Amino acid sequence: MRLRLWGLEFTRIARAARARQRLIFLVTGALLVIIGVALRSATAFIIGILVMGSFAFDAQQGSPTSAHVRMWQWLHKNQAGRL
């Protein structure tokens, strides 16, 4: 039982650290982009864009099945609005 509690605690800490790490890298990337624009430094700008892009939230399309489901939801939502 004690080992299980340690495992749950470790999982909770890992998730919190991952969320904070993503935020830290997004803020760092944004600062590099701003510095790159302000100082006209292409290197800082590109590194900032790469850092932000690497740690941005996942906005993937997903599987073809999920794409079909989203399309049907969108179609039915539009049809319901017309009635």
Protein backbone atom coordinates (compact mmCIF):
# COMPACT_ATOMS: atom_id res chain seq x y z
CA MET A 1 0.00 0.00 0.00
CA ARG A 2 2.80 2.38 0.88
CA LEU A 3 4.56 1.74 -2.43
CA ARG A 4 1.39 2.54 -4.30
CA LEU A 5 1.06 5.88 -2.51
CA TRP A 6 4.65 6.73 -3.41
CA GLY A 7 3.89 5.90 -7.05
CA LEU A 8 0.82 8.14 -7.09
CA GLU A 9 2.74 10.98 -5.47
CA PHE A 10 5.59 10.64 -7.96
CA THR A 11 3.13 10.70 -10.87
CA ARG A 12 1.47 13.86 -9.52
CA ILE A 13 4.82 15.62 -9.08
CA ALA A 14 5.95 14.60 -12.58
CA ARG A 15 2.78 15.98 -14.16
CA ALA A 16 3.10 19.27 -12.30
CA ALA A 17 6.75 19.62 -13.30
CA ARG A 18 5.93 18.87 -16.93
CA ALA A 19 3.23 21.54 -16.99
CA ARG A 20 5.54 24.12 -15.42
CA GLN A 21 8.40 23.17 -17.73
CA ARG A 22 6.21 23.76 -20.77
CA LEU A 23 5.17 27.17 -19.45
CA ILE A 24 8.77 28.14 -18.68
CA PHE A 25 9.90 27.22 -22.19
CA LEU A 26 6.99 29.08 -23.80
CA VAL A 27 7.79 32.23 -21.82
CA THR A 28 11.50 31.89 -22.60
CA GLY A 29 10.74 31.45 -26.29
CA ALA A 30 8.48 34.49 -26.30
CA LEU A 31 11.18 36.57 -24.61
CA LEU A 32 13.72 35.45 -27.20
CA VAL A 33 11.33 36.41 -30.01
CA ILE A 34 10.78 39.85 -28.47
CA ILE A 35 14.52 40.36 -27.93
CA GLY A 36 15.20 39.20 -31.48
CA VAL A 37 12.74 41.73 -32.89
CA ALA A 38 13.91 44.55 -30.62
CA LEU A 39 17.60 44.01 -31.32
CA ARG A 40 17.06 42.94 -34.93
CA SER A 41 18.80 39.66 -34.21
CA ALA A 42 17.69 36.92 -36.57
CA THR A 43 19.42 34.30 -34.44
CA ALA A 44 17.52 35.16 -31.25
CA PHE A 45 14.26 35.42 -33.18
CA ILE A 46 14.64 32.01 -34.86
CA ILE A 47 15.75 30.32 -31.64
CA GLY A 48 12.72 31.83 -29.87
CA ILE A 49 10.37 30.56 -32.57
CA LEU A 50 11.94 27.09 -32.39
CA VAL A 51 11.69 26.97 -28.59
CA MET A 52 8.06 28.10 -28.63
CA GLY A 53 7.17 25.67 -31.40
CA SER A 54 8.83 22.75 -29.66
CA PHE A 55 6.96 23.24 -26.42
CA ALA A 56 3.63 24.57 -27.68
CA PHE A 57 0.52 22.67 -26.79
CA ASP A 58 -0.27 19.74 -29.05
CA ALA A 59 -2.80 20.68 -31.67
CA GLN A 60 -2.54 17.58 -33.79
CA GLN A 61 -5.33 16.41 -36.01
CA GLY A 62 -5.35 12.97 -34.45
CA SER A 63 -6.43 9.80 -36.17
CA PRO A 64 -8.60 9.69 -39.30
CA THR A 65 -11.45 8.38 -37.17
CA SER A 66 -11.34 11.38 -34.85
CA ALA A 67 -11.22 13.68 -37.89
CA HIS A 68 -14.42 12.04 -39.19
CA VAL A 69 -16.11 12.49 -35.81
CA ARG A 70 -15.17 16.17 -35.67
CA MET A 71 -16.44 16.70 -39.22
CA TRP A 72 -19.80 15.04 -38.42
CA GLN A 73 -20.12 17.12 -35.25
CA TRP A 74 -19.42 20.28 -37.23
CA LEU A 75 -21.94 19.34 -39.94
CA HIS A 76 -24.67 18.50 -37.45
CA LYS A 77 -24.02 21.70 -35.50
CA ASN A 78 -24.42 23.74 -38.68
CA GLN A 79 -27.57 21.88 -39.72
CA ALA A 80 -29.13 22.39 -36.29
CA GLY A 81 -28.50 26.13 -36.58
CA ARG A 82 -30.44 26.30 -39.87
CA LEU A 83 -33.60 24.69 -38.54
